[in-house]
Protein backbone atom coordinates (compact mmCIF):
# COMPACT_ATOMS: atom_id res chain seq x y z
CA UNK A 1 64.55 -102.61 112.61
CA UNK A 2 66.55 -105.57 111.22
CA UNK A 3 70.29 -105.61 111.50
CA UNK A 4 72.59 -105.77 108.49
CA UNK A 5 73.51 -109.35 109.42
CA UNK A 6 69.83 -110.34 109.50
CA UNK A 7 69.21 -108.77 106.10
CA UNK A 8 72.29 -110.41 104.62
CA UNK A 9 71.19 -113.77 106.05
CA UNK A 10 67.78 -113.34 104.41
CA UNK A 11 69.40 -112.46 101.09
CA UNK A 12 71.74 -115.47 101.36
CA UNK A 13 68.73 -117.70 101.97
CA UNK A 14 67.05 -116.46 98.80
CA UNK A 15 70.26 -116.93 96.81
CA UNK A 16 70.64 -120.47 98.13
CA UNK A 17 67.28 -121.49 96.65
CA UNK A 18 68.95 -122.10 93.33
CA UNK A 19 69.28 -120.47 89.97
CA UNK A 20 66.38 -118.46 88.67
CA UNK A 21 65.85 -118.53 84.92
CA UNK A 22 64.89 -115.50 82.86
CA UNK A 23 61.36 -115.37 81.42
CA UNK A 24 60.68 -117.71 78.47
CA UNK A 25 60.75 -114.95 75.84
CA UNK A 26 64.19 -113.87 77.06
CA UNK A 27 65.48 -117.46 76.86
CA UNK A 28 64.47 -117.55 73.20
CA UNK A 29 65.91 -114.08 72.51
CA UNK A 30 69.26 -115.05 74.00
CA UNK A 31 69.50 -118.31 72.04
CA UNK A 32 68.57 -116.55 68.81
CA UNK A 33 71.04 -113.72 69.52
CA UNK A 34 73.74 -116.37 69.88
CA UNK A 35 72.69 -117.86 66.54
CA UNK A 36 72.00 -121.33 67.90
CA UNK A 37 69.11 -123.66 67.18
CA UNK A 38 67.15 -125.53 69.81
CA UNK A 39 68.80 -128.71 68.54
CA UNK A 40 72.27 -127.25 69.14
CA UNK A 41 71.37 -126.20 72.69
CA UNK A 42 69.95 -129.68 73.27
CA UNK A 43 73.21 -131.25 72.11
CA UNK A 44 75.29 -129.02 74.39
CA UNK A 45 73.10 -129.83 77.41
CA UNK A 46 72.70 -133.49 76.42
CA UNK A 47 68.94 -133.20 76.25
CA UNK A 48 66.28 -133.65 73.59
CA UNK A 49 65.17 -130.78 71.36
CA UNK A 50 61.63 -131.21 72.70
CA UNK A 51 62.99 -130.68 76.20
CA UNK A 52 64.64 -127.39 75.20
CA UNK A 53 61.35 -126.33 73.58
CA UNK A 54 59.57 -127.02 76.88
CA UNK A 55 62.19 -125.02 78.81
CA UNK A 56 61.92 -122.09 76.41
CA UNK A 57 58.14 -122.07 76.63
CA UNK A 58 58.22 -122.19 80.42
CA UNK A 59 56.20 -125.43 80.48
CA UNK A 60 59.07 -127.23 82.21
CA UNK A 61 62.11 -126.30 84.25
CA UNK A 62 65.34 -128.24 83.89
CA UNK A 63 66.44 -130.35 86.82
CA UNK A 64 69.94 -130.33 88.30
CA UNK A 65 72.60 -130.54 86.97
CA UNK A 66 71.09 -129.28 83.67
CA UNK A 67 69.39 -126.42 85.51
CA UNK A 68 72.74 -124.97 86.59
CA UNK A 69 74.26 -125.57 83.14
CA UNK A 70 71.31 -123.96 81.33
CA UNK A 71 71.41 -121.00 83.73
CA UNK A 72 75.15 -120.60 83.12
CA UNK A 73 74.58 -120.66 79.36
CA UNK A 74 71.79 -118.07 79.57
CA UNK A 75 73.84 -115.86 81.91
CA UNK A 76 76.77 -115.99 79.50
CA UNK A 77 74.58 -115.00 76.61
CA UNK A 78 72.93 -112.25 78.67
CA UNK A 79 76.35 -110.74 79.32
CA UNK A 80 77.28 -111.03 75.65
CA UNK A 81 73.91 -109.91 74.24
CA UNK A 82 72.40 -107.40 76.67
CA UNK A 83 68.90 -106.12 76.09
CA UNK A 84 68.80 -102.81 74.31
CA UNK A 85 66.63 -100.26 76.06
CA UNK A 86 64.14 -98.89 73.50
CA UNK A 87 63.32 -95.93 75.77
CA UNK A 88 65.10 -92.80 74.51
CA UNK A 89 67.10 -90.86 77.07
CA UNK A 90 66.94 -87.08 77.14
């Protein structure tokens, strides 16, 4: 049985691997919820619109430091525009 310290160390190792991006469809949903165009996101992150399109489609992943900046932007939008659960609760 692993100790708490061993489990925490394993979790810390996973967290240290770097930011994980949401699925492509969620990236698009968040940008659209914020009312921004791909061009506007590209300007903010000092990238080309085609690059943002590739990130949103999942064809490419941004490299540092844009990866961290894009993740921060998506996380901010996710907090501001949470997903609504379509499943009714009884």
